[in-house]
């Protein structure tokens, strides 16, 4: 191959190279023009998703904090009420606690609601049974079931039924006409 042919070939090869670079540059510019906005939109969407995720995580943390606070509060109330049951029912406290822990099935109320109600009329009940705490625990459970039955059968408000039973336990049979109006 002579020198002239070699120079001609190198020149042609350079021309193809320069044409290819030019086409690549045009393609990149065209891509940027046509899809650059889409890429920016995708980036914006990712930022939005990240913000929504951060808000969701914050809301979740708030909910967990609220539930934790409620759980601690309910447990503290449970402990307080359990102490009252032990004090008032003495040897029969375990019976009352068993009834309270089953109250969601038997009376449709929480253990805390059960203990609160049982202790509210326990003194009168124990007194009327001559100090027999075992019998008082059993009668308290009968009363709790009766209250639940009344609410479920007649649709009476539980607070009204509880107030009536507290009145009965104190032998206070007066009717409050103001609440009936």
N, C-alpha and C. Protein backbone atom coordinates (compact mmCIF):
# COMPACT_ATOMS: atom_id res chain seq x y z
N UNK A 1 0.85 -1.16 0.00
CA UNK A 1 0.00 0.00 0.00
C UNK A 1 0.90 1.22 0.00
N UNK A 2 0.58 2.16 -0.85
CA UNK A 2 1.43 3.35 -0.93
C UNK A 2 0.94 4.40 0.04
N UNK A 3 1.73 5.38 0.16
CA UNK A 3 1.46 6.45 1.13
C UNK A 3 0.19 7.22 0.80
N UNK A 4 -0.12 7.40 -0.45
CA UNK A 4 -1.32 8.15 -0.85
C UNK A 4 -2.58 7.39 -0.48
N UNK A 5 -2.56 6.10 -0.74
CA UNK A 5 -3.74 5.29 -0.40
C UNK A 5 -3.95 5.27 1.12
N UNK A 6 -2.87 5.17 1.87
CA UNK A 6 -2.97 5.16 3.33
C UNK A 6 -3.56 6.46 3.85
N UNK A 7 -3.14 7.60 3.33
CA UNK A 7 -3.66 8.91 3.76
C UNK A 7 -5.13 9.03 3.41
N UNK A 8 -5.53 8.55 2.23
CA UNK A 8 -6.92 8.61 1.82
C UNK A 8 -7.79 7.74 2.74
N UNK A 9 -7.29 6.58 3.06
CA UNK A 9 -8.04 5.68 3.93
C UNK A 9 -8.20 6.27 5.32
N UNK A 10 -7.16 6.85 5.89
CA UNK A 10 -7.24 7.47 7.22
C UNK A 10 -8.21 8.64 7.21
N UNK A 11 -8.23 9.39 6.17
CA UNK A 11 -9.14 10.53 6.06
C UNK A 11 -10.58 10.04 6.03
N UNK A 12 -10.85 9.01 5.24
CA UNK A 12 -12.20 8.46 5.18
C UNK A 12 -12.62 7.88 6.54
N UNK A 13 -11.69 7.20 7.17
CA UNK A 13 -11.99 6.63 8.48
C UNK A 13 -12.29 7.72 9.49
N UNK A 14 -11.58 8.83 9.44
CA UNK A 14 -11.82 9.96 10.34
C UNK A 14 -13.19 10.58 10.06
N UNK A 15 -13.58 10.64 8.79
CA UNK A 15 -14.86 11.23 8.43
C UNK A 15 -16.00 10.41 9.03
N UNK A 16 -15.89 9.08 8.92
CA UNK A 16 -16.91 8.21 9.52
C UNK A 16 -16.98 8.40 11.03
N UNK A 17 -15.82 8.53 11.66
CA UNK A 17 -15.74 8.74 13.11
C UNK A 17 -16.41 10.04 13.49
N UNK A 18 -16.09 11.11 12.76
CA UNK A 18 -16.68 12.42 13.06
C UNK A 18 -18.19 12.41 12.82
N UNK A 19 -18.66 11.70 11.78
CA UNK A 19 -20.10 11.60 11.52
C UNK A 19 -20.79 10.87 12.68
N UNK A 20 -20.17 9.80 13.14
CA UNK A 20 -20.76 9.03 14.25
C UNK A 20 -20.84 9.88 15.52
N UNK A 21 -19.81 10.68 15.80
CA UNK A 21 -19.82 11.57 16.97
C UNK A 21 -20.94 12.59 16.82
N UNK A 22 -21.09 13.15 15.66
CA UNK A 22 -22.15 14.14 15.41
C UNK A 22 -23.53 13.54 15.63
N UNK A 23 -23.75 12.31 15.13
CA UNK A 23 -25.04 11.65 15.30
C UNK A 23 -25.31 11.37 16.79
N UNK A 24 -24.29 10.94 17.49
CA UNK A 24 -24.44 10.66 18.92
C UNK A 24 -24.80 11.94 19.69
N UNK A 25 -24.15 13.03 19.32
CA UNK A 25 -24.43 14.31 19.97
C UNK A 25 -25.87 14.74 19.70
N UNK A 26 -26.32 14.60 18.45
CA UNK A 26 -27.70 14.95 18.10
C UNK A 26 -28.70 14.07 18.87
N UNK A 27 -28.39 12.80 18.98
CA UNK A 27 -29.28 11.88 19.71
C UNK A 27 -29.39 12.28 21.19
N UNK A 28 -28.26 12.60 21.77
CA UNK A 28 -28.26 13.01 23.19
C UNK A 28 -29.07 14.28 23.38
N UNK A 29 -28.90 15.24 22.46
CA UNK A 29 -29.66 16.49 22.56
C UNK A 29 -31.16 16.23 22.38
N UNK A 30 -31.49 15.37 21.43
CA UNK A 30 -32.89 15.04 21.18
C UNK A 30 -33.49 14.33 22.41
N UNK A 31 -32.77 13.40 22.99
CA UNK A 31 -33.23 12.69 24.19
C UNK A 31 -33.47 13.67 25.32
N UNK A 32 -32.52 14.56 25.52
CA UNK A 32 -32.64 15.55 26.59
C UNK A 32 -33.86 16.43 26.38
N UNK A 33 -34.08 16.85 25.12
CA UNK A 33 -35.22 17.71 24.82
C UNK A 33 -36.54 16.96 25.01
N UNK A 34 -36.61 15.72 24.53
CA UNK A 34 -37.86 14.96 24.56
C UNK A 34 -38.15 14.31 25.92
N UNK A 35 -37.13 13.82 26.59
CA UNK A 35 -37.35 13.07 27.82
C UNK A 35 -36.81 13.74 29.06
N UNK A 36 -36.12 14.82 28.91
CA UNK A 36 -35.57 15.52 30.08
C UNK A 36 -36.67 15.94 31.04
N UNK A 37 -37.81 16.41 30.49
CA UNK A 37 -38.94 16.80 31.34
C UNK A 37 -39.52 15.61 32.07
N UNK A 38 -39.58 14.46 31.38
CA UNK A 38 -40.10 13.25 32.01
C UNK A 38 -39.20 12.81 33.15
N UNK A 39 -37.89 12.91 32.92
CA UNK A 39 -36.95 12.54 33.98
C UNK A 39 -37.13 13.47 35.18
N UNK A 40 -37.32 14.74 34.90
CA UNK A 40 -37.57 15.69 35.99
C UNK A 40 -38.86 15.37 36.73
N UNK A 41 -39.90 14.95 35.97
CA UNK A 41 -41.18 14.57 36.60
C UNK A 41 -41.01 13.34 37.46
N UNK A 42 -40.27 12.36 36.96
CA UNK A 42 -40.02 11.15 37.75
C UNK A 42 -39.28 11.52 39.03
N UNK A 43 -38.29 12.38 38.92
CA UNK A 43 -37.56 12.84 40.10
C UNK A 43 -38.48 13.54 41.08
N UNK A 44 -39.40 14.38 40.56
CA UNK A 44 -40.37 15.07 41.41
C UNK A 44 -41.31 14.08 42.08
N UNK A 45 -41.73 13.05 41.32
CA UNK A 45 -42.61 12.03 41.89
C UNK A 45 -41.91 11.28 43.02
N UNK A 46 -40.64 10.99 42.82
CA UNK A 46 -39.88 10.30 43.86
C UNK A 46 -39.79 11.16 45.12
N UNK A 47 -39.58 12.46 44.92
CA UNK A 47 -39.54 13.36 46.07
C UNK A 47 -40.89 13.38 46.79
N UNK A 48 -41.99 13.40 46.02
CA UNK A 48 -43.33 13.40 46.61
C UNK A 48 -43.57 12.11 47.39
N UNK A 49 -43.19 10.98 46.80
CA UNK A 49 -43.35 9.70 47.49
C UNK A 49 -42.55 9.69 48.78
N UNK A 50 -41.36 10.23 48.74
CA UNK A 50 -40.53 10.30 49.95
C UNK A 50 -41.19 11.15 51.02
N UNK A 51 -41.80 12.28 50.61
CA UNK A 51 -42.49 13.14 51.58
C UNK A 51 -43.69 12.43 52.18
N UNK A 52 -44.47 11.75 51.32
CA UNK A 52 -45.64 11.01 51.80
C UNK A 52 -45.19 9.91 52.76
N UNK A 53 -44.12 9.23 52.41
CA UNK A 53 -43.58 8.19 53.29
C UNK A 53 -43.18 8.76 54.64
N UNK A 54 -42.55 9.91 54.62
CA UNK A 54 -42.14 10.54 55.89
C UNK A 54 -43.36 10.91 56.73
N UNK A 55 -44.40 11.42 56.08
CA UNK A 55 -45.63 11.77 56.81
C UNK A 55 -46.27 10.50 57.38
N UNK A 56 -46.31 9.43 56.58
CA UNK A 56 -46.89 8.17 57.06
C UNK A 56 -46.11 7.61 58.24
N UNK A 57 -44.81 7.69 58.17
CA UNK A 57 -43.98 7.21 59.29
C UNK A 57 -44.25 8.06 60.53
N UNK A 58 -44.38 9.36 60.34
CA UNK A 58 -44.69 10.24 61.47
C UNK A 58 -46.04 9.92 62.07
N UNK A 59 -47.05 9.69 61.22
CA UNK A 59 -48.38 9.34 61.71
C UNK A 59 -48.36 8.00 62.43
N UNK A 60 -47.62 7.07 61.87
CA UNK A 60 -47.50 5.76 62.52
C UNK A 60 -46.84 5.87 63.88
N UNK A 61 -45.82 6.68 63.97
CA UNK A 61 -45.13 6.87 65.26
C UNK A 61 -46.07 7.53 66.26
N UNK A 62 -46.87 8.48 65.80
CA UNK A 62 -47.84 9.14 66.68
C UNK A 62 -48.87 8.12 67.17
N UNK A 63 -49.36 7.27 66.26
CA UNK A 63 -50.35 6.26 66.64
C UNK A 63 -49.76 5.27 67.64
N UNK A 64 -48.53 4.84 67.41
CA UNK A 64 -47.89 3.92 68.34
C UNK A 64 -47.72 4.59 69.70
N UNK A 65 -47.34 5.85 69.70
CA UNK A 65 -47.21 6.58 70.96
C UNK A 65 -48.53 6.67 71.69
N UNK A 66 -49.60 6.96 70.96
CA UNK A 66 -50.94 7.05 71.55
C UNK A 66 -51.36 5.71 72.14
N UNK A 67 -51.17 4.64 71.36
CA UNK A 67 -51.56 3.30 71.83
C UNK A 67 -50.74 2.88 73.04
N UNK A 68 -49.47 3.22 73.03
CA UNK A 68 -48.62 2.91 74.18
C UNK A 68 -49.13 3.63 75.42
N UNK A 69 -49.45 4.90 75.26
CA UNK A 69 -49.96 5.68 76.39
C UNK A 69 -51.27 5.09 76.90
N UNK A 70 -52.16 4.73 75.98
CA UNK A 70 -53.44 4.15 76.38
C UNK A 70 -53.23 2.82 77.09
N UNK A 71 -52.31 2.00 76.58
CA UNK A 71 -52.04 0.70 77.19
C UNK A 71 -51.50 0.86 78.60
N UNK A 72 -50.56 1.76 78.75
CA UNK A 72 -49.98 1.99 80.07
C UNK A 72 -51.05 2.51 81.03
N UNK A 73 -51.89 3.41 80.55
CA UNK A 73 -52.96 3.96 81.38
C UNK A 73 -53.96 2.88 81.78
N UNK A 74 -54.35 2.03 80.82
CA UNK A 74 -55.31 0.96 81.12
C UNK A 74 -54.70 -0.04 82.10
N UNK A 75 -53.43 -0.34 81.94
CA UNK A 75 -52.79 -1.28 82.86
C UNK A 75 -52.68 -0.68 84.26
N UNK A 76 -52.36 0.60 84.32
CA UNK A 76 -52.29 1.26 85.63
C UNK A 76 -53.66 1.23 86.31
N UNK A 77 -54.70 1.48 85.53
CA UNK A 77 -56.06 1.42 86.09
C UNK A 77 -56.37 0.00 86.55
N UNK A 78 -55.98 -0.99 85.76
CA UNK A 78 -56.19 -2.39 86.12
C UNK A 78 -55.53 -2.71 87.46
N UNK A 79 -54.28 -2.30 87.59
CA UNK A 79 -53.56 -2.55 88.84
C UNK A 79 -54.24 -1.88 90.03
N UNK A 80 -54.70 -0.66 89.84
CA UNK A 80 -55.39 0.07 90.90
C UNK A 80 -56.67 -0.65 91.30
N UNK A 81 -57.44 -1.05 90.30
CA UNK A 81 -58.70 -1.74 90.57
C UNK A 81 -58.46 -3.11 91.21
N UNK A 82 -57.44 -3.83 90.76
CA UNK A 82 -57.11 -5.13 91.34
C UNK A 82 -56.75 -4.98 92.81
N UNK A 83 -56.05 -3.92 93.13
CA UNK A 83 -55.74 -3.65 94.54
C UNK A 83 -57.00 -3.41 95.35
N UNK A 84 -57.96 -2.69 94.77
CA UNK A 84 -59.24 -2.46 95.45
C UNK A 84 -60.01 -3.74 95.65
N UNK A 85 -60.00 -4.61 94.64
CA UNK A 85 -60.69 -5.91 94.76
C UNK A 85 -60.07 -6.72 95.88
N UNK A 86 -58.74 -6.76 95.94
CA UNK A 86 -58.05 -7.52 97.00
C UNK A 86 -58.40 -6.97 98.38
N UNK A 87 -58.45 -5.67 98.47
CA UNK A 87 -58.75 -5.03 99.76
C UNK A 87 -60.19 -5.32 100.18
N UNK A 88 -61.13 -5.18 99.27
CA UNK A 88 -62.55 -5.32 99.61
C UNK A 88 -63.02 -6.77 99.73
N UNK A 89 -62.53 -7.65 98.86
CA UNK A 89 -63.02 -9.02 98.85
C UNK A 89 -62.11 -10.00 99.59
N UNK A 90 -60.92 -9.56 100.00
CA UNK A 90 -60.03 -10.40 100.80
C UNK A 90 -59.77 -11.75 100.18
N UNK A 91 -60.14 -12.83 100.90
CA UNK A 91 -59.88 -14.20 100.44
C UNK A 91 -60.60 -14.53 99.13
N UNK A 92 -61.67 -13.83 98.82
CA UNK A 92 -62.44 -14.10 97.60
C UNK A 92 -61.97 -13.25 96.42
N UNK A 93 -60.90 -12.50 96.60
CA UNK A 93 -60.40 -11.62 95.53
C UNK A 93 -60.04 -12.40 94.27
N UNK A 94 -59.47 -13.60 94.44
CA UNK A 94 -59.12 -14.41 93.27
C UNK A 94 -60.36 -14.77 92.45
N UNK A 95 -61.48 -15.03 93.13
CA UNK A 95 -62.73 -15.33 92.43
C UNK A 95 -63.18 -14.12 91.62
N UNK A 96 -63.14 -12.95 92.23
CA UNK A 96 -63.56 -11.74 91.53
C UNK A 96 -62.64 -11.48 90.35
N UNK A 97 -61.35 -11.68 90.52
CA UNK A 97 -60.40 -11.47 89.42
C UNK A 97 -60.66 -12.45 88.28
N UNK A 98 -61.01 -13.69 88.62
CA UNK A 98 -61.35 -14.68 87.59
C UNK A 98 -62.59 -14.21 86.83
N UNK A 99 -63.60 -13.77 87.56
CA UNK A 99 -64.82 -13.27 86.91
C UNK A 99 -64.50 -12.05 86.04
N UNK A 100 -63.67 -11.18 86.54
CA UNK A 100 -63.31 -9.96 85.80
C UNK A 100 -62.58 -10.29 84.50
N UNK A 101 -61.68 -11.26 84.57
CA UNK A 101 -60.91 -11.63 83.38
C UNK A 101 -61.76 -12.36 82.34
N UNK A 102 -62.92 -12.88 82.74
CA UNK A 102 -63.84 -13.54 81.81
C UNK A 102 -65.01 -12.63 81.44
N UNK A 103 -65.03 -11.42 81.97
CA UNK A 103 -66.17 -10.52 81.80
C UNK A 103 -66.45 -10.18 80.35
N UNK A 104 -65.43 -10.15 79.51
CA UNK A 104 -65.68 -9.83 78.10
C UNK A 104 -66.58 -10.89 77.46
N UNK A 105 -66.54 -12.14 77.97
CA UNK A 105 -67.39 -13.21 77.44
C UNK A 105 -68.74 -13.26 78.16
N UNK A 106 -68.71 -13.10 79.47
CA UNK A 106 -69.92 -13.32 80.27
C UNK A 106 -70.79 -12.09 80.43
N UNK A 107 -70.17 -10.91 80.43
CA UNK A 107 -70.92 -9.69 80.71
C UNK A 107 -70.75 -8.61 79.65
N UNK A 108 -69.91 -8.87 78.68
CA UNK A 108 -69.71 -7.89 77.61
C UNK A 108 -69.02 -6.62 78.06
N UNK A 109 -68.12 -6.74 79.01
CA UNK A 109 -67.38 -5.57 79.48
C UNK A 109 -65.93 -5.95 79.73
N UNK A 110 -65.10 -4.94 79.85
CA UNK A 110 -63.68 -5.19 80.11
C UNK A 110 -63.48 -5.59 81.57
N UNK A 111 -62.32 -6.14 81.85
CA UNK A 111 -61.98 -6.50 83.23
C UNK A 111 -62.00 -5.25 84.10
N UNK A 112 -61.50 -4.14 83.56
CA UNK A 112 -61.49 -2.89 84.34
C UNK A 112 -62.91 -2.43 84.65
N UNK A 113 -63.80 -2.47 83.66
CA UNK A 113 -65.19 -2.06 83.89
C UNK A 113 -65.83 -2.97 84.94
N UNK A 114 -65.57 -4.26 84.83
CA UNK A 114 -66.13 -5.23 85.76
C UNK A 114 -65.68 -4.94 87.19
N UNK A 115 -64.38 -4.79 87.37
CA UNK A 115 -63.85 -4.54 88.72
C UNK A 115 -64.36 -3.22 89.28
N UNK A 116 -64.42 -2.21 88.44
CA UNK A 116 -64.90 -0.90 88.89
C UNK A 116 -66.34 -1.01 89.38
N UNK A 117 -67.17 -1.69 88.62
CA UNK A 117 -68.57 -1.83 89.00
C UNK A 117 -68.71 -2.72 90.25
N UNK A 118 -67.99 -3.83 90.28
CA UNK A 118 -68.09 -4.76 91.41
C UNK A 118 -67.66 -4.10 92.71
N UNK A 119 -66.60 -3.31 92.64
CA UNK A 119 -66.16 -2.65 93.87
C UNK A 119 -67.09 -1.51 94.26
N UNK A 120 -67.83 -0.96 93.31
CA UNK A 120 -68.71 0.17 93.64
C UNK A 120 -69.86 -0.24 94.56
N UNK A 121 -70.29 -1.49 94.48
CA UNK A 121 -71.35 -1.93 95.40
C UNK A 121 -70.92 -3.06 96.33
N UNK A 122 -69.62 -3.32 96.37
CA UNK A 122 -69.12 -4.44 97.18
C UNK A 122 -69.35 -4.26 98.67
N UNK A 123 -69.15 -3.08 99.18
CA UNK A 123 -69.29 -2.87 100.63
C UNK A 123 -70.71 -3.20 101.09
N UNK A 124 -71.70 -2.69 100.35
CA UNK A 124 -73.09 -2.97 100.72
C UNK A 124 -73.41 -4.45 100.54
N UNK A 125 -72.88 -5.05 99.50
CA UNK A 125 -73.14 -6.45 99.22
C UNK A 125 -72.52 -7.34 100.29
N UNK A 126 -71.28 -7.08 100.64
CA UNK A 126 -70.58 -7.86 101.67
C UNK A 126 -71.29 -7.69 103.01
N UNK A 127 -71.70 -6.47 103.31
CA UNK A 127 -72.40 -6.19 104.57
C UNK A 127 -73.73 -6.93 104.62
N UNK A 128 -74.47 -6.91 103.52
CA UNK A 128 -75.78 -7.56 103.51
C UNK A 128 -75.68 -9.09 103.59
N UNK A 129 -74.50 -9.64 103.27
CA UNK A 129 -74.28 -11.08 103.34
C UNK A 129 -73.51 -11.47 104.61
N UNK A 130 -73.49 -10.58 105.56
CA UNK A 130 -72.86 -10.87 106.86
C UNK A 130 -71.36 -11.03 106.78
N UNK A 131 -70.72 -10.38 105.81
CA UNK A 131 -69.27 -10.44 105.70
C UNK A 131 -68.75 -11.61 104.87
N UNK A 132 -69.63 -12.41 104.28
CA UNK A 132 -69.23 -13.56 103.47
C UNK A 132 -68.75 -13.07 102.10
N UNK A 133 -67.44 -12.88 101.98
CA UNK A 133 -66.88 -12.32 100.74
C UNK A 133 -66.98 -13.31 99.58
N UNK A 134 -66.91 -14.60 99.85
CA UNK A 134 -67.05 -15.60 98.78
C UNK A 134 -68.43 -15.50 98.16
N UNK A 135 -69.45 -15.44 99.00
CA UNK A 135 -70.82 -15.31 98.51
C UNK A 135 -71.01 -13.95 97.82
N UNK A 136 -70.38 -12.92 98.35
CA UNK A 136 -70.47 -11.58 97.75
C UNK A 136 -69.86 -11.57 96.35
N UNK A 137 -68.73 -12.27 96.17
CA UNK A 137 -68.09 -12.36 94.86
C UNK A 137 -69.02 -13.04 93.86
N UNK A 138 -69.67 -14.13 94.31
CA UNK A 138 -70.60 -14.84 93.44
C UNK A 138 -71.80 -13.96 93.09
N UNK A 139 -72.34 -13.27 94.06
CA UNK A 139 -73.51 -12.41 93.83
C UNK A 139 -73.14 -11.20 92.95
N UNK A 140 -71.94 -10.71 93.11
CA UNK A 140 -71.49 -9.61 92.26
C UNK A 140 -71.46 -10.07 90.81
N UNK A 141 -71.00 -11.30 90.56
CA UNK A 141 -70.97 -11.82 89.20
C UNK A 141 -72.38 -12.00 88.66
N UNK A 142 -73.30 -12.47 89.51
CA UNK A 142 -74.70 -12.61 89.08
C UNK A 142 -75.25 -11.23 88.70
N UNK A 143 -74.94 -10.22 89.49
CA UNK A 143 -75.42 -8.86 89.21
C UNK A 143 -74.83 -8.34 87.91
N UNK A 144 -73.55 -8.60 87.67
CA UNK A 144 -72.90 -8.13 86.44
C UNK A 144 -73.54 -8.77 85.21
N UNK A 145 -73.81 -10.05 85.29
CA UNK A 145 -74.45 -10.74 84.17
C UNK A 145 -75.87 -10.21 83.96
N UNK A 146 -76.57 -9.95 85.06
CA UNK A 146 -77.93 -9.41 84.96
C UNK A 146 -77.91 -8.02 84.30
N UNK A 147 -76.92 -7.20 84.67
CA UNK A 147 -76.80 -5.88 84.04
C UNK A 147 -76.59 -6.02 82.53
N UNK A 148 -75.67 -6.91 82.16
CA UNK A 148 -75.38 -7.12 80.75
C UNK A 148 -76.61 -7.63 80.01
N UNK A 149 -77.34 -8.57 80.63
CA UNK A 149 -78.56 -9.09 80.00
C UNK A 149 -79.58 -7.98 79.79
N UNK A 150 -79.72 -7.09 80.78
CA UNK A 150 -80.66 -5.99 80.68
C UNK A 150 -80.30 -5.08 79.51
N UNK A 151 -79.03 -4.76 79.41
CA UNK A 151 -78.56 -3.89 78.32
C UNK A 151 -78.81 -4.55 76.97
N UNK A 152 -78.46 -5.83 76.86
CA UNK A 152 -78.61 -6.54 75.59
C UNK A 152 -80.06 -6.82 75.23
N UNK A 153 -80.90 -7.09 76.22
CA UNK A 153 -82.29 -7.41 75.94
C UNK A 153 -83.13 -6.18 75.65
N UNK A 154 -82.96 -5.16 76.47
CA UNK A 154 -83.84 -4.00 76.37
C UNK A 154 -83.18 -2.78 75.73
N UNK A 155 -81.89 -2.86 75.49
CA UNK A 155 -81.20 -1.73 74.87
C UNK A 155 -80.99 -0.56 75.81
N UNK A 156 -81.08 -0.84 77.09
CA UNK A 156 -80.89 0.22 78.09
C UNK A 156 -79.43 0.64 78.12
N UNK A 157 -79.19 1.88 78.41
CA UNK A 157 -77.83 2.39 78.53
C UNK A 157 -77.15 1.76 79.75
N UNK A 158 -75.94 1.24 79.57
CA UNK A 158 -75.22 0.56 80.65
C UNK A 158 -75.04 1.46 81.87
N UNK A 159 -74.76 2.73 81.65
CA UNK A 159 -74.56 3.64 82.79
C UNK A 159 -75.84 3.74 83.63
N UNK A 160 -76.99 3.74 82.99
CA UNK A 160 -78.27 3.80 83.72
C UNK A 160 -78.49 2.52 84.51
N UNK A 161 -78.18 1.38 83.90
CA UNK A 161 -78.35 0.10 84.59
C UNK A 161 -77.40 0.02 85.78
N UNK A 162 -76.16 0.46 85.59
CA UNK A 162 -75.20 0.44 86.69
C UNK A 162 -75.66 1.34 87.83
N UNK A 163 -76.19 2.50 87.50
CA UNK A 163 -76.69 3.41 88.54
C UNK A 163 -77.84 2.77 89.30
N UNK A 164 -78.71 2.08 88.59
CA UNK A 164 -79.84 1.40 89.24
C UNK A 164 -79.34 0.31 90.18
N UNK A 165 -78.38 -0.49 89.73
CA UNK A 165 -77.86 -1.56 90.58
C UNK A 165 -77.12 -0.99 91.79
N UNK A 166 -76.44 0.12 91.61
CA UNK A 166 -75.78 0.74 92.77
C UNK A 166 -76.83 1.21 93.77
N UNK A 167 -77.92 1.73 93.27
CA UNK A 167 -79.02 2.14 94.16
C UNK A 167 -79.61 0.95 94.88
N UNK A 168 -79.81 -0.17 94.16
CA UNK A 168 -80.35 -1.38 94.79
C UNK A 168 -79.41 -1.87 95.89
N UNK A 169 -78.11 -1.80 95.62
CA UNK A 169 -77.14 -2.31 96.60
C UNK A 169 -77.15 -1.47 97.88
N UNK A 170 -77.56 -0.25 97.74
CA UNK A 170 -77.63 0.64 98.92
C UNK A 170 -79.05 0.67 99.49
N UNK A 171 -79.89 -0.19 98.94
CA UNK A 171 -81.30 -0.24 99.30
C UNK A 171 -81.97 1.11 99.07
N UNK A 172 -81.57 1.75 97.99
CA UNK A 172 -82.11 3.05 97.61
C UNK A 172 -82.99 2.81 96.38
N UNK A 173 -84.28 2.63 96.62
CA UNK A 173 -85.18 2.28 95.53
C UNK A 173 -85.93 3.49 94.97
N UNK A 174 -85.45 4.66 95.23
CA UNK A 174 -86.13 5.84 94.73
C UNK A 174 -85.94 5.97 93.23
N UNK A 175 -86.90 6.53 92.56
CA UNK A 175 -86.82 6.70 91.12
C UNK A 175 -86.47 8.15 90.85
N UNK A 176 -85.50 8.33 90.01
CA UNK A 176 -85.10 9.69 89.64
C UNK A 176 -85.90 10.09 88.42
N UNK A 177 -86.95 10.89 88.63
CA UNK A 177 -87.83 11.29 87.54
C UNK A 177 -87.14 12.28 86.60
N UNK A 178 -86.16 12.98 87.07
CA UNK A 178 -85.46 13.95 86.22
C UNK A 178 -84.71 13.25 85.09
N UNK A 179 -84.13 12.08 85.35
CA UNK A 179 -83.37 11.40 84.29
C UNK A 179 -84.30 10.70 83.32
N UNK A 180 -85.55 10.41 83.75
CA UNK A 180 -86.49 9.75 82.86
C UNK A 180 -87.09 10.72 81.84
N UNK A 181 -87.04 12.02 82.15
CA UNK A 181 -87.66 13.01 81.26
C UNK A 181 -86.86 13.29 80.04
